Amino acid sequence: MGAIAAGIAAGLAAVGAGYGNGQVIGHTVDAMARQPELMGDLRTTMFIGVGLIEALPILSIVVGFLVMNK
């Protein structure tokens, strides 16, 4: 059961991170199209946001491994 729980947790985290990254990147591209002079600042903020979003699947996999080993 632990392996199934770990797989479900990792899968749902990957889906959520994919959706979140799509939203962040899409809105950043829209903002860059509206205000090209802010492109550098927007890109920096986007990379910080994507990094924070990607932390979720990494933590989910760690928790999944912990659950699987118990």
N, C-alpha and C. Protein backbone atom coordinates (compact mmCIF):
# COMPACT_ATOMS: atom_id res chain seq x y z
N MET A 1 0.81 -1.20 0.00
CA MET A 1 0.00 0.00 0.00
C MET A 1 0.85 1.26 0.00
N GLY A 2 2.00 1.19 0.61
CA GLY A 2 2.87 2.36 0.66
C GLY A 2 3.36 2.77 -0.72
N ALA A 3 3.63 1.76 -1.56
CA ALA A 3 4.11 2.07 -2.92
C ALA A 3 3.00 2.73 -3.74
N ILE A 4 1.77 2.28 -3.56
CA ILE A 4 0.65 2.88 -4.28
C ILE A 4 0.45 4.33 -3.83
N ALA A 5 0.53 4.55 -2.51
CA ALA A 5 0.38 5.91 -1.98
C ALA A 5 1.49 6.83 -2.50
N ALA A 6 2.72 6.31 -2.56
CA ALA A 6 3.83 7.11 -3.06
C ALA A 6 3.64 7.45 -4.54
N GLY A 7 3.17 6.49 -5.31
CA GLY A 7 2.92 6.74 -6.73
C GLY A 7 1.82 7.75 -6.96
N ILE A 8 0.74 7.65 -6.19
CA ILE A 8 -0.36 8.60 -6.32
C ILE A 8 0.10 10.00 -5.92
N ALA A 9 0.85 10.10 -4.84
CA ALA A 9 1.33 11.41 -4.38
C ALA A 9 2.25 12.05 -5.41
N ALA A 10 3.16 11.27 -5.96
CA ALA A 10 4.09 11.82 -6.96
C ALA A 10 3.35 12.20 -8.23
N GLY A 11 2.39 11.39 -8.64
CA GLY A 11 1.63 11.70 -9.86
C GLY A 11 0.79 12.95 -9.72
N LEU A 12 0.09 13.09 -8.62
CA LEU A 12 -0.73 14.28 -8.42
C LEU A 12 0.13 15.54 -8.27
N ALA A 13 1.27 15.40 -7.63
CA ALA A 13 2.17 16.55 -7.51
C ALA A 13 2.72 16.97 -8.87
N ALA A 14 3.01 15.99 -9.72
CA ALA A 14 3.51 16.32 -11.06
C ALA A 14 2.44 17.01 -11.89
N VAL A 15 1.20 16.55 -11.79
CA VAL A 15 0.11 17.19 -12.52
C VAL A 15 -0.09 18.62 -12.03
N GLY A 16 -0.09 18.80 -10.73
CA GLY A 16 -0.27 20.14 -10.16
C GLY A 16 0.86 21.07 -10.54
N ALA A 17 2.09 20.57 -10.52
CA ALA A 17 3.23 21.40 -10.89
C ALA A 17 3.19 21.76 -12.38
N GLY A 18 2.78 20.82 -13.19
CA GLY A 18 2.66 21.11 -14.63
C GLY A 18 1.63 22.18 -14.90
N TYR A 19 0.49 22.09 -14.24
CA TYR A 19 -0.55 23.11 -14.40
C TYR A 19 -0.07 24.47 -13.89
N GLY A 20 0.56 24.47 -12.73
CA GLY A 20 1.06 25.73 -12.15
C GLY A 20 2.12 26.38 -13.01
N ASN A 21 3.05 25.57 -13.53
CA ASN A 21 4.09 26.11 -14.41
C ASN A 21 3.48 26.68 -15.68
N GLY A 22 2.49 26.01 -16.23
CA GLY A 22 1.83 26.51 -17.42
C GLY A 22 1.17 27.86 -17.18
N GLN A 23 0.52 27.99 -16.04
CA GLN A 23 -0.13 29.26 -15.71
C GLN A 23 0.90 30.38 -15.53
N VAL A 24 1.94 30.11 -14.78
CA VAL A 24 2.95 31.13 -14.53
C VAL A 24 3.63 31.56 -15.82
N ILE A 25 4.05 30.61 -16.63
CA ILE A 25 4.77 30.94 -17.85
C ILE A 25 3.84 31.63 -18.85
N GLY A 26 2.61 31.17 -18.96
CA GLY A 26 1.66 31.80 -19.87
C GLY A 26 1.38 33.24 -19.51
N HIS A 27 1.16 33.50 -18.24
CA HIS A 27 0.89 34.88 -17.81
C HIS A 27 2.13 35.75 -17.94
N THR A 28 3.30 35.17 -17.74
CA THR A 28 4.52 35.95 -17.92
C THR A 28 4.71 36.34 -19.38
N VAL A 29 4.44 35.42 -20.30
CA VAL A 29 4.56 35.74 -21.73
C VAL A 29 3.55 36.83 -22.10
N ASP A 30 2.34 36.75 -21.57
CA ASP A 30 1.35 37.81 -21.82
C ASP A 30 1.85 39.16 -21.31
N ALA A 31 2.42 39.17 -20.12
CA ALA A 31 2.93 40.41 -19.56
C ALA A 31 4.10 40.96 -20.37
N MET A 32 4.96 40.06 -20.87
CA MET A 32 6.08 40.50 -21.71
C MET A 32 5.59 41.09 -23.03
N ALA A 33 4.51 40.53 -23.55
CA ALA A 33 3.97 41.06 -24.80
C ALA A 33 3.37 42.45 -24.59
N ARG A 34 2.80 42.69 -23.41
CA ARG A 34 2.20 43.99 -23.12
C ARG A 34 3.24 45.05 -22.80
N GLN A 35 4.27 44.66 -22.04
CA GLN A 35 5.30 45.61 -21.61
C GLN A 35 6.69 45.03 -21.84
N PRO A 36 7.19 45.10 -23.06
CA PRO A 36 8.49 44.50 -23.35
C PRO A 36 9.65 45.12 -22.57
N GLU A 37 9.49 46.34 -22.11
CA GLU A 37 10.59 46.97 -21.37
C GLU A 37 10.82 46.32 -20.01
N LEU A 38 9.86 45.58 -19.51
CA LEU A 38 10.00 44.89 -18.21
C LEU A 38 10.40 43.43 -18.36
N MET A 39 10.85 43.05 -19.55
CA MET A 39 11.11 41.64 -19.84
C MET A 39 12.10 41.01 -18.85
N GLY A 40 13.18 41.70 -18.52
CA GLY A 40 14.18 41.14 -17.61
C GLY A 40 13.63 40.89 -16.21
N ASP A 41 12.90 41.87 -15.68
CA ASP A 41 12.32 41.72 -14.34
C ASP A 41 11.27 40.61 -14.32
N LEU A 42 10.46 40.56 -15.36
CA LEU A 42 9.42 39.53 -15.42
C LEU A 42 10.02 38.14 -15.53
N ARG A 43 11.08 38.01 -16.30
CA ARG A 43 11.73 36.70 -16.46
C ARG A 43 12.33 36.24 -15.14
N THR A 44 12.95 37.16 -14.42
CA THR A 44 13.54 36.81 -13.13
C THR A 44 12.47 36.35 -12.16
N THR A 45 11.37 37.09 -12.10
CA THR A 45 10.28 36.72 -11.20
C THR A 45 9.67 35.39 -11.62
N MET A 46 9.57 35.15 -12.93
CA MET A 46 9.01 33.89 -13.42
C MET A 46 9.88 32.71 -12.98
N PHE A 47 11.20 32.86 -13.09
CA PHE A 47 12.09 31.76 -12.71
C PHE A 47 12.00 31.47 -11.22
N ILE A 48 11.85 32.50 -10.41
CA ILE A 48 11.68 32.28 -8.97
C ILE A 48 10.38 31.54 -8.70
N GLY A 49 9.30 31.95 -9.38
CA GLY A 49 8.01 31.28 -9.21
C GLY A 49 8.05 29.83 -9.67
N VAL A 50 8.68 29.57 -10.80
CA VAL A 50 8.77 28.20 -11.31
C VAL A 50 9.60 27.34 -10.35
N GLY A 51 10.65 27.90 -9.79
CA GLY A 51 11.45 27.16 -8.83
C GLY A 51 10.64 26.79 -7.58
N LEU A 52 9.82 27.72 -7.11
CA LEU A 52 8.99 27.41 -5.95
C LEU A 52 7.93 26.38 -6.28
N ILE A 53 7.37 26.45 -7.49
CA ILE A 53 6.37 25.47 -7.90
C ILE A 53 6.99 24.09 -8.02
N GLU A 54 8.21 24.01 -8.53
CA GLU A 54 8.88 22.72 -8.70
C GLU A 54 9.28 22.10 -7.37
N ALA A 55 9.30 22.87 -6.30
CA ALA A 55 9.62 22.30 -4.99
C ALA A 55 8.54 21.33 -4.53
N LEU A 56 7.30 21.52 -4.96
CA LEU A 56 6.20 20.65 -4.54
C LEU A 56 6.41 19.21 -4.97
N PRO A 57 6.68 18.90 -6.24
CA PRO A 57 6.87 17.49 -6.58
C PRO A 57 8.10 16.88 -5.93
N ILE A 58 9.13 17.66 -5.71
CA ILE A 58 10.32 17.12 -5.05
C ILE A 58 9.98 16.72 -3.62
N LEU A 59 9.28 17.60 -2.91
CA LEU A 59 8.88 17.27 -1.54
C LEU A 59 7.90 16.10 -1.52
N SER A 60 7.03 16.03 -2.51
CA SER A 60 6.07 14.94 -2.58
C SER A 60 6.78 13.60 -2.78
N ILE A 61 7.79 13.58 -3.60
CA ILE A 61 8.53 12.33 -3.81
C ILE A 61 9.27 11.93 -2.54
N VAL A 62 9.83 12.88 -1.84
CA VAL A 62 10.52 12.58 -0.56
C VAL A 62 9.53 12.00 0.44
N VAL A 63 8.37 12.63 0.57
CA VAL A 63 7.35 12.12 1.50
C VAL A 63 6.87 10.74 1.04
N GLY A 64 6.73 10.56 -0.26
CA GLY A 64 6.33 9.26 -0.79
C GLY A 64 7.34 8.17 -0.44
N PHE A 65 8.63 8.48 -0.56
CA PHE A 65 9.65 7.50 -0.18
C PHE A 65 9.61 7.20 1.31
N LEU A 66 9.35 8.22 2.11
CA LEU A 66 9.25 8.00 3.55
C LEU A 66 8.06 7.11 3.90
N VAL A 67 6.94 7.35 3.22
CA VAL A 67 5.74 6.52 3.47
C VAL A 67 5.98 5.09 2.99
N MET A 68 6.66 4.95 1.86
CA MET A 68 6.91 3.63 1.30
C MET A 68 7.81 2.80 2.19
N ASN A 69 8.74 3.42 2.90
CA ASN A 69 9.69 2.69 3.73
C ASN A 69 9.16 2.36 5.11
N LYS A 70 7.99 2.87 5.47
CA LYS A 70 7.47 2.58 6.81
C LYS A 70 6.71 1.30 6.84
